[in-house]
Protein backbone atom coordinates (compact mmCIF):
# COMPACT_ATOMS: atom_id res chain seq x y z
CA MET A 1 64.82 -16.95 78.45
CA ALA A 2 62.86 -19.16 76.01
CA VAL A 3 61.16 -22.60 77.20
CA LYS A 4 59.38 -25.20 75.69
CA LEU A 5 55.74 -25.81 74.97
CA VAL A 6 54.05 -29.08 76.11
CA TRP A 7 50.05 -29.85 75.34
CA THR A 8 48.14 -31.96 77.40
CA LYS A 9 45.41 -34.03 76.13
CA ARG A 10 43.18 -31.80 77.27
CA ALA A 11 44.73 -28.61 76.21
CA ILE A 12 44.62 -29.98 72.44
CA GLN A 13 40.76 -31.11 72.78
CA GLY A 14 39.37 -27.50 74.07
CA TYR A 15 41.72 -25.78 71.34
CA ASP A 16 40.82 -28.19 68.74
CA ARG A 17 37.20 -27.51 70.35
CA ILE A 18 37.14 -23.63 69.94
CA VAL A 19 38.48 -24.28 66.33
CA LYS A 20 35.92 -26.02 65.15
CA HIS A 21 33.55 -23.77 66.85
CA LEU A 22 35.15 -21.25 64.92
CA TYR A 23 35.00 -22.99 61.29
CA GLU A 24 31.21 -23.74 61.96
CA GLU A 25 29.96 -20.44 63.54
CA TRP A 26 32.40 -17.74 61.51
CA THR A 27 34.54 -17.92 58.33
CA GLU A 28 37.75 -19.31 57.49
CA LYS A 29 39.66 -15.48 57.99
CA GLU A 30 38.12 -15.30 61.88
CA VAL A 31 39.29 -19.23 62.05
CA LYS A 32 42.52 -17.63 60.73
CA ASN A 33 43.17 -14.73 62.95
CA PHE A 34 42.78 -16.77 65.80
CA VAL A 35 45.08 -19.42 65.16
CA GLN A 36 47.82 -16.55 64.34
CA GLU A 37 46.50 -14.59 67.34
CA THR A 38 47.08 -17.37 69.71
CA ALA A 39 50.89 -18.53 68.18
CA HIS A 40 51.87 -14.80 68.96
CA PHE A 41 50.83 -15.31 72.51
CA PHE A 42 52.28 -18.95 73.15
CA GLU A 43 55.54 -17.03 71.77
CA LEU A 44 54.97 -14.50 74.02
CA LEU A 45 54.50 -16.45 76.61
CA LYS A 46 57.71 -18.90 76.21
CA GLU A 47 59.75 -15.67 76.87
CA ASN A 48 57.94 -14.95 79.77
CA PRO A 49 56.13 -17.41 81.56
CA LYS A 50 55.01 -15.84 84.19
CA MET A 51 53.19 -13.41 82.53
CA LEU A 52 49.49 -14.50 83.50
CA GLU A 53 48.27 -14.64 86.64
CA PRO A 54 49.30 -17.31 89.39
CA THR A 55 46.09 -19.60 90.69
CA GLY A 56 47.01 -19.67 94.24
CA LYS A 57 45.93 -22.92 94.83
CA ASN A 58 48.78 -24.75 93.12
CA LYS A 59 52.40 -23.70 93.17
CA ASN A 60 53.60 -22.79 89.37
CA LEU A 61 50.27 -22.57 88.33
CA TYR A 62 49.04 -19.84 85.96
CA ARG A 63 45.70 -19.13 84.62
CA GLY A 64 44.24 -15.80 82.44
CA PRO A 65 42.92 -14.64 79.12
CA ILE A 66 44.86 -15.50 75.94
CA ASN A 67 42.38 -12.86 74.29
CA ARG A 68 39.07 -11.86 75.37
CA LEU A 69 37.31 -15.11 74.48
CA THR A 70 40.12 -17.72 75.33
CA ILE A 71 41.48 -18.71 78.84
CA LEU A 72 44.61 -20.40 78.96
CA THR A 73 45.52 -22.52 82.16
CA TYR A 74 49.20 -23.97 82.41
CA ARG A 75 52.41 -24.97 84.96
CA TYR A 76 55.52 -23.88 84.71
CA LYS A 77 58.07 -25.78 85.50
CA PRO A 78 61.59 -23.66 85.66
CA ARG A 79 63.81 -26.08 86.27
CA LYS A 80 62.85 -28.42 83.60
CA LYS A 81 62.46 -24.97 81.08
CA GLU A 82 58.77 -26.35 79.92
CA ILE A 83 55.55 -24.84 80.23
CA ILE A 84 52.76 -27.76 80.46
CA LEU A 85 49.55 -26.31 78.56
CA VAL A 86 46.91 -27.66 81.21
CA ASN A 87 43.51 -26.35 79.27
CA VAL A 88 42.44 -24.08 76.97
CA ARG A 89 38.59 -23.59 76.84
CA GLU A 90 36.41 -20.49 75.68
CA THR A 91 35.20 -17.94 78.31
CA ARG A 92 31.16 -19.11 77.73
CA ARG A 93 31.94 -22.32 78.64
CA LYS A 94 31.60 -23.08 82.84
CA PRO A 95 34.47 -24.51 84.16
CA LEU A 96 34.77 -28.13 85.26
CA LYS A 97 34.14 -28.49 88.72
């Protein structure tokens, strides 16, 4: 059951911030690995939209790690068959309150 991914502005900014940080602090190889790893993760997520933990606060809102340094928050809308990526952030950053 493949679904469509929809990126919010906040998720795009968070993802871009991570890639920018990798370019500044690491090599191009690490950036390429991160982009490939996240692309693979998103393909898996489209096949299994409920693979991460539900937050419990809001219906159909899920949160969990993409890898050990990146956390994803997304909303799954089964009727529309879409996943809305709400936020992508590094684990080292403090969450917004």
